Amino acid sequence: MLSPEELGQGTPLTVDGEPVGVLLNLRSAEAVLDTHAQMFLQQCRHPLVWAALGAAVLSPSWASRPVACSPRPSRLTAAAEAIAAGDSSQRADVRSRDETGVLGQAFNDMAASLAAAETARKNLIADVSHELRTPLTVVQGNLQAILDGVYPLEMAQVTGLYEETRLLTRLVDDLH
């Protein structure tokens, strides 16, 4: 049981405006640290504060400037938007070696990679279409010839058509 004074040091917890409990910090930093550790922390506080203030004052403003504040972000943004819309020929105009220039070069590398991937995708689709079209044409032509009575419905014809369908299945399995 805690006294009212001890409960008064905590943070009240409420649900729908009704008090349901009190949040207490039973182990504060001073209670956990011994006297030597507390003295060490006290000695470190002032130098750390001065170091942070000195770094803030002495650091050049351009070193912490975000990319959005650089002189060329609108061109980089426009190129990124063009690529997002499907124009993979866009490139950033890289004229510097600072952070913005490195970002522009990385953007150009990414755009080239996307263009190469798109070319590879188109080539793959063309190759797959060709590889699938040939056996399909054979199957379709033979079936049409059987339906038209040009070829009699014989086991040799069915076996050939079956082999073509197996080839198609292997191609689809390879794609999968």
C-alpha atoms as a PDB file:
ATOM      1  CA  MET A   1       0.000   0.000   0.000  1.00  0.00           C
ATOM      2  CA  LEU A   2       1.300   3.456  -0.872  1.00  0.00           C
ATOM      3  CA  SER A   3       0.663   6.622   1.047  1.00  0.00           C
ATOM      4  CA  PRO A   4      -1.281   9.506  -0.546  1.00  0.00           C
ATOM      5  CA  GLU A   5       2.007  11.482  -0.795  1.00  0.00           C
ATOM      6  CA  GLU A   6       3.653   8.666  -2.765  1.00  0.00           C
ATOM      7  CA  LEU A   7       0.620   8.316  -5.043  1.00  0.00           C
ATOM      8  CA  GLY A   8       0.628  12.099  -5.567  1.00  0.00           C
ATOM      9  CA  GLN A   9       4.116  11.862  -7.142  1.00  0.00           C
ATOM     10  CA  GLY A  10       2.807   9.606  -9.929  1.00  0.00           C
ATOM     11  CA  THR A  11       0.911  10.312 -13.127  1.00  0.00           C
ATOM     12  CA  PRO A  12      -2.832   9.647 -12.888  1.00  0.00           C
ATOM     13  CA  LEU A  13      -4.259   7.170 -15.430  1.00  0.00           C
ATOM     14  CA  THR A  14      -7.834   7.780 -16.555  1.00  0.00           C
ATOM     15  CA  VAL A  15     -10.304   5.997 -18.830  1.00  0.00           C
ATOM     16  CA  ASP A  16     -13.235   8.048 -20.094  1.00  0.00           C
ATOM     17  CA  GLY A  17     -12.378  10.710 -17.527  1.00  0.00           C
ATOM     18  CA  GLU A  18     -12.496   8.264 -14.612  1.00  0.00           C
ATOM     19  CA  PRO A  19      -9.282   7.619 -12.588  1.00  0.00           C
ATOM     20  CA  VAL A  20      -8.230   3.960 -12.867  1.00  0.00           C
ATOM     21  CA  GLY A  21      -4.696   4.056 -11.504  1.00  0.00           C
ATOM     22  CA  VAL A  22      -1.410   5.877 -11.032  1.00  0.00           C
ATOM     23  CA  LEU A  23       1.799   5.452 -13.022  1.00  0.00           C
ATOM     24  CA  LEU A  24       4.826   5.550 -10.730  1.00  0.00           C
ATOM     25  CA  ASN A  25       8.547   5.631 -11.516  1.00  0.00           C
ATOM     26  CA  LEU A  26       9.817   3.389  -8.781  1.00  0.00           C
ATOM     27  CA  ARG A  27      13.446   3.348  -9.969  1.00  0.00           C
ATOM     28  CA  SER A  28      14.691   6.801 -10.933  1.00  0.00           C
ATOM     29  CA  ALA A  29      18.192   7.207 -12.392  1.00  0.00           C
ATOM     30  CA  GLU A  30      19.537   8.673  -9.148  1.00  0.00           C
ATOM     31  CA  ALA A  31      18.230   5.694  -7.172  1.00  0.00           C
ATOM     32  CA  VAL A  32      19.912   3.178  -9.516  1.00  0.00           C
ATOM     33  CA  LEU A  33      23.295   4.926  -9.869  1.00  0.00           C
ATOM     34  CA  ASP A  34      25.790   5.046  -7.060  1.00  0.00           C
ATOM     35  CA  THR A  35      27.408   8.314  -5.924  1.00  0.00           C
ATOM     36  CA  HIS A  36      30.457   7.992  -8.214  1.00  0.00           C
ATOM     37  CA  ALA A  37      28.299   7.349 -11.282  1.00  0.00           C
ATOM     38  CA  GLN A  38      26.102  10.345 -10.449  1.00  0.00           C
ATOM     39  CA  MET A  39      29.180  12.587 -10.092  1.00  0.00           C
ATOM     40  CA  PHE A  40      30.548  11.339 -13.430  1.00  0.00           C
ATOM     41  CA  LEU A  41      27.259  12.133 -15.213  1.00  0.00           C
ATOM     42  CA  GLN A  42      27.167  15.590 -13.646  1.00  0.00           C
ATOM     43  CA  GLN A  43      30.747  16.289 -14.820  1.00  0.00           C
ATOM     44  CA  CYS A  44      29.899  15.161 -18.381  1.00  0.00           C
ATOM     45  CA  ARG A  45      26.755  17.269 -18.757  1.00  0.00           C
ATOM     46  CA  HIS A  46      28.381  20.666 -19.150  1.00  0.00           C
ATOM     47  CA  PRO A  47      31.086  19.675 -21.660  1.00  0.00           C
ATOM     48  CA  LEU A  48      28.494  17.822 -23.762  1.00  0.00           C
ATOM     49  CA  VAL A  49      26.189  20.836 -23.828  1.00  0.00           C
ATOM     50  CA  TRP A  50      29.086  23.120 -24.847  1.00  0.00           C
ATOM     51  CA  ALA A  51      30.220  20.669 -27.534  1.00  0.00           C
ATOM     52  CA  ALA A  52      26.709  20.474 -29.000  1.00  0.00           C
ATOM     53  CA  LEU A  53      26.377  24.252 -29.031  1.00  0.00           C
ATOM     54  CA  GLY A  54      29.823  24.646 -30.605  1.00  0.00           C
ATOM     55  CA  ALA A  55      29.044  22.102 -33.308  1.00  0.00           C
ATOM     56  CA  ALA A  56      25.777  23.857 -34.086  1.00  0.00           C
ATOM     57  CA  VAL A  57      27.457  27.258 -34.349  1.00  0.00           C
ATOM     58  CA  LEU A  58      30.583  26.184 -36.218  1.00  0.00           C
ATOM     59  CA  SER A  59      29.031  23.771 -38.738  1.00  0.00           C
ATOM     60  CA  PRO A  60      28.453  25.361 -42.142  1.00  0.00           C
ATOM     61  CA  SER A  61      24.803  25.673 -43.034  1.00  0.00           C
ATOM     62  CA  TRP A  62      25.364  24.086 -46.478  1.00  0.00           C
ATOM     63  CA  ALA A  63      26.615  20.858 -44.904  1.00  0.00           C
ATOM     64  CA  SER A  64      23.258  20.167 -43.311  1.00  0.00           C
ATOM     65  CA  ARG A  65      21.120  21.570 -46.113  1.00  0.00           C
ATOM     66  CA  PRO A  66      18.581  18.996 -47.342  1.00  0.00           C
ATOM     67  CA  VAL A  67      18.658  17.937 -50.983  1.00  0.00           C
ATOM     68  CA  ALA A  68      15.338  19.712 -51.517  1.00  0.00           C
ATOM     69  CA  CYS A  69      17.105  23.053 -50.875  1.00  0.00           C
ATOM     70  CA  SER A  70      19.852  22.418 -53.423  1.00  0.00           C
ATOM     71  CA  PRO A  71      19.900  24.393 -56.662  1.00  0.00           C
ATOM     72  CA  ARG A  72      18.994  21.429 -58.916  1.00  0.00           C
ATOM     73  CA  PRO A  73      16.216  19.442 -57.246  1.00  0.00           C
ATOM     74  CA  SER A  74      13.492  20.532 -59.646  1.00  0.00           C
ATOM     75  CA  ARG A  75      15.317  18.958 -62.623  1.00  0.00           C
ATOM     76  CA  LEU A  76      15.958  15.769 -60.684  1.00  0.00           C
ATOM     77  CA  THR A  77      12.335  15.700 -59.538  1.00  0.00           C
ATOM     78  CA  ALA A  78      11.110  16.249 -63.096  1.00  0.00           C
ATOM     79  CA  ALA A  79      13.297  13.397 -64.355  1.00  0.00           C
ATOM     80  CA  ALA A  80      12.036  11.108 -61.565  1.00  0.00           C
ATOM     81  CA  GLU A  81       8.426  11.956 -62.394  1.00  0.00           C
ATOM     82  CA  ALA A  82       9.063  11.264 -66.088  1.00  0.00           C
ATOM     83  CA  ILE A  83      10.527   7.847 -65.282  1.00  0.00           C
ATOM     84  CA  ALA A  84       7.583   7.103 -62.978  1.00  0.00           C
ATOM     85  CA  ALA A  85       5.316   7.906 -65.936  1.00  0.00           C
ATOM     86  CA  GLY A  86       7.186   5.380 -68.122  1.00  0.00           C
ATOM     87  CA  ASP A  87       9.834   7.474 -69.900  1.00  0.00           C
ATOM     88  CA  SER A  88      13.016   5.560 -69.037  1.00  0.00           C
ATOM     89  CA  SER A  89      15.153   7.774 -71.277  1.00  0.00           C
ATOM     90  CA  GLN A  90      15.251  10.588 -68.692  1.00  0.00           C
ATOM     91  CA  ARG A  91      18.571  11.320 -66.992  1.00  0.00           C
ATOM     92  CA  ALA A  92      19.672  13.825 -64.371  1.00  0.00           C
ATOM     93  CA  ASP A  93      22.104  16.553 -65.349  1.00  0.00           C
ATOM     94  CA  VAL A  94      25.059  15.878 -63.023  1.00  0.00           C
ATOM     95  CA  ARG A  95      27.447  18.829 -62.715  1.00  0.00           C
ATOM     96  CA  SER A  96      28.884  18.452 -59.228  1.00  0.00           C
ATOM     97  CA  ARG A  97      30.435  15.895 -56.923  1.00  0.00           C
ATOM     98  CA  ASP A  98      28.551  16.954 -53.792  1.00  0.00           C
ATOM     99  CA  GLU A  99      25.645  15.042 -52.265  1.00  0.00           C
ATOM    100  CA  THR A 100      23.281  16.243 -54.985  1.00  0.00           C
ATOM    101  CA  GLY A 101      25.700  15.154 -57.704  1.00  0.00           C
ATOM    102  CA  VAL A 102      26.083  11.714 -56.130  1.00  0.00           C
ATOM    103  CA  LEU A 103      22.295  11.459 -55.897  1.00  0.00           C
ATOM    104  CA  GLY A 104      21.990  12.485 -59.558  1.00  0.00           C
ATOM    105  CA  GLN A 105      24.527   9.853 -60.612  1.00  0.00           C
ATOM    106  CA  ALA A 106      22.719   7.184 -58.573  1.00  0.00           C
ATOM    107  CA  PHE A 107      19.484   8.274 -60.244  1.00  0.00           C
ATOM    108  CA  ASN A 108      21.081   7.929 -63.686  1.00  0.00           C
ATOM    109  CA  ASP A 109      22.406   4.461 -62.807  1.00  0.00           C
ATOM    110  CA  MET A 110      18.942   3.457 -61.618  1.00  0.00           C
ATOM    111  CA  ALA A 111      17.348   4.810 -64.812  1.00  0.00           C
ATOM    112  CA  ALA A 112      19.831   2.876 -66.971  1.00  0.00           C
ATOM    113  CA  SER A 113      19.128  -0.275 -64.976  1.00  0.00           C
ATOM    114  CA  LEU A 114      15.384   0.207 -65.422  1.00  0.00           C
ATOM    115  CA  ALA A 115      15.825   0.715 -69.173  1.00  0.00           C
ATOM    116  CA  ALA A 116      17.953  -2.456 -69.439  1.00  0.00           C
ATOM    117  CA  ALA A 117      15.381  -4.420 -67.428  1.00  0.00           C
ATOM    118  CA  GLU A 118      12.589  -3.173 -69.680  1.00  0.00           C
ATOM    119  CA  THR A 119      14.546  -4.193 -72.786  1.00  0.00           C
ATOM    120  CA  ALA A 120      15.210  -7.633 -71.295  1.00  0.00           C
ATOM    121  CA  ARG A 121      11.521  -7.978 -70.414  1.00  0.00           C
ATOM    122  CA  LYS A 122      10.441  -7.115 -73.962  1.00  0.00           C
ATOM    123  CA  ASN A 123      12.967  -9.574 -75.428  1.00  0.00           C
ATOM    124  CA  LEU A 124      11.791 -12.313 -73.073  1.00  0.00           C
ATOM    125  CA  ILE A 125       8.159 -11.755 -74.020  1.00  0.00           C
ATOM    126  CA  ALA A 126       9.048 -11.842 -77.718  1.00  0.00           C
ATOM    127  CA  ASP A 127      11.059 -15.073 -77.267  1.00  0.00           C
ATOM    128  CA  VAL A 128       8.352 -16.737 -75.199  1.00  0.00           C
ATOM    129  CA  SER A 129       5.662 -15.713 -77.692  1.00  0.00           C
ATOM    130  CA  HIS A 130       7.675 -17.211 -80.531  1.00  0.00           C
ATOM    131  CA  GLU A 131       8.417 -20.432 -78.622  1.00  0.00           C
ATOM    132  CA  LEU A 132       4.761 -20.888 -77.690  1.00  0.00           C
ATOM    133  CA  ARG A 133       3.366 -19.889 -81.070  1.00  0.00           C
ATOM    134  CA  THR A 134       5.197 -22.610 -83.022  1.00  0.00           C
ATOM    135  CA  PRO A 135       3.803 -25.670 -81.180  1.00  0.00           C
ATOM    136  CA  LEU A 136       0.375 -24.033 -80.911  1.00  0.00           C
ATOM    137  CA  THR A 137       0.311 -23.492 -84.669  1.00  0.00           C
ATOM    138  CA  VAL A 138       1.272 -27.138 -85.263  1.00  0.00           C
ATOM    139  CA  VAL A 139      -1.439 -28.408 -82.899  1.00  0.00           C
ATOM    140  CA  GLN A 140      -4.051 -26.060 -84.304  1.00  0.00           C
ATOM    141  CA  GLY A 141      -3.185 -26.900 -87.942  1.00  0.00           C
ATOM    142  CA  ASN A 142      -3.264 -30.660 -87.326  1.00  0.00           C
ATOM    143  CA  LEU A 143      -6.552 -30.467 -85.459  1.00  0.00           C
ATOM    144  CA  GLN A 144      -8.074 -28.355 -88.230  1.00  0.00           C
ATOM    145  CA  ALA A 145      -6.847 -30.873 -90.824  1.00  0.00           C
ATOM    146  CA  ILE A 146      -8.440 -33.727 -88.836  1.00  0.00           C
ATOM    147  CA  LEU A 147     -11.712 -31.771 -88.518  1.00  0.00           C
ATOM    148  CA  ASP A 148     -11.687 -30.994 -92.267  1.00  0.00           C
ATOM    149  CA  GLY A 149     -11.072 -34.654 -93.082  1.00  0.00           C
ATOM    150  CA  VAL A 150      -7.654 -33.973 -94.635  1.00  0.00           C
ATOM    151  CA  TYR A 151      -6.006 -36.192 -92.029  1.00  0.00           C
ATOM    152  CA  PRO A 152      -7.755 -39.287 -90.784  1.00  0.00           C
ATOM    153  CA  LEU A 153      -8.149 -39.543 -87.024  1.00  0.00           C
ATOM    154  CA  GLU A 154      -5.353 -42.018 -86.364  1.00  0.00           C
ATOM    155  CA  MET A 155      -3.204 -42.779 -83.362  1.00  0.00           C
ATOM    156  CA  ALA A 156      -0.112 -41.387 -85.130  1.00  0.00           C
ATOM    157  CA  GLN A 157      -1.819 -37.987 -85.481  1.00  0.00           C
ATOM    158  CA  VAL A 158      -3.044 -38.004 -81.873  1.00  0.00           C
ATOM    159  CA  THR A 159       0.435 -39.028 -80.660  1.00  0.00           C
ATOM    160  CA  GLY A 160       2.039 -36.133 -82.555  1.00  0.00           C
ATOM    161  CA  LEU A 161      -0.477 -33.671 -81.150  1.00  0.00           C
ATOM    162  CA  TYR A 162       0.069 -35.081 -77.674  1.00  0.00           C
ATOM    163  CA  GLU A 163       3.849 -34.565 -78.008  1.00  0.00           C
ATOM    164  CA  GLU A 164       3.271 -30.942 -79.036  1.00  0.00           C
ATOM    165  CA  THR A 165       1.112 -30.368 -75.960  1.00  0.00           C
ATOM    166  CA  ARG A 166       3.866 -31.874 -73.790  1.00  0.00           C
ATOM    167  CA  LEU A 167       6.338 -29.411 -75.353  1.00  0.00           C
ATOM    168  CA  LEU A 168       3.953 -26.569 -74.522  1.00  0.00           C
ATOM    169  CA  THR A 169       3.661 -27.843 -70.947  1.00  0.00           C
ATOM    170  CA  ARG A 170       7.468 -27.935 -70.586  1.00  0.00           C
ATOM    171  CA  LEU A 171       7.743 -24.376 -71.900  1.00  0.00           C
ATOM    172  CA  VAL A 172       5.100 -23.144 -69.464  1.00  0.00           C
ATOM    173  CA  ASP A 173       6.802 -25.036 -66.602  1.00  0.00           C
ATOM    174  CA  ASP A 174      10.138 -23.439 -67.525  1.00  0.00           C
ATOM    175  CA  LEU A 175       8.497 -20.028 -67.458  1.00  0.00           C
ATOM    176  CA  HIS A 176       6.961 -20.758 -64.085  1.00  0.00           C
END
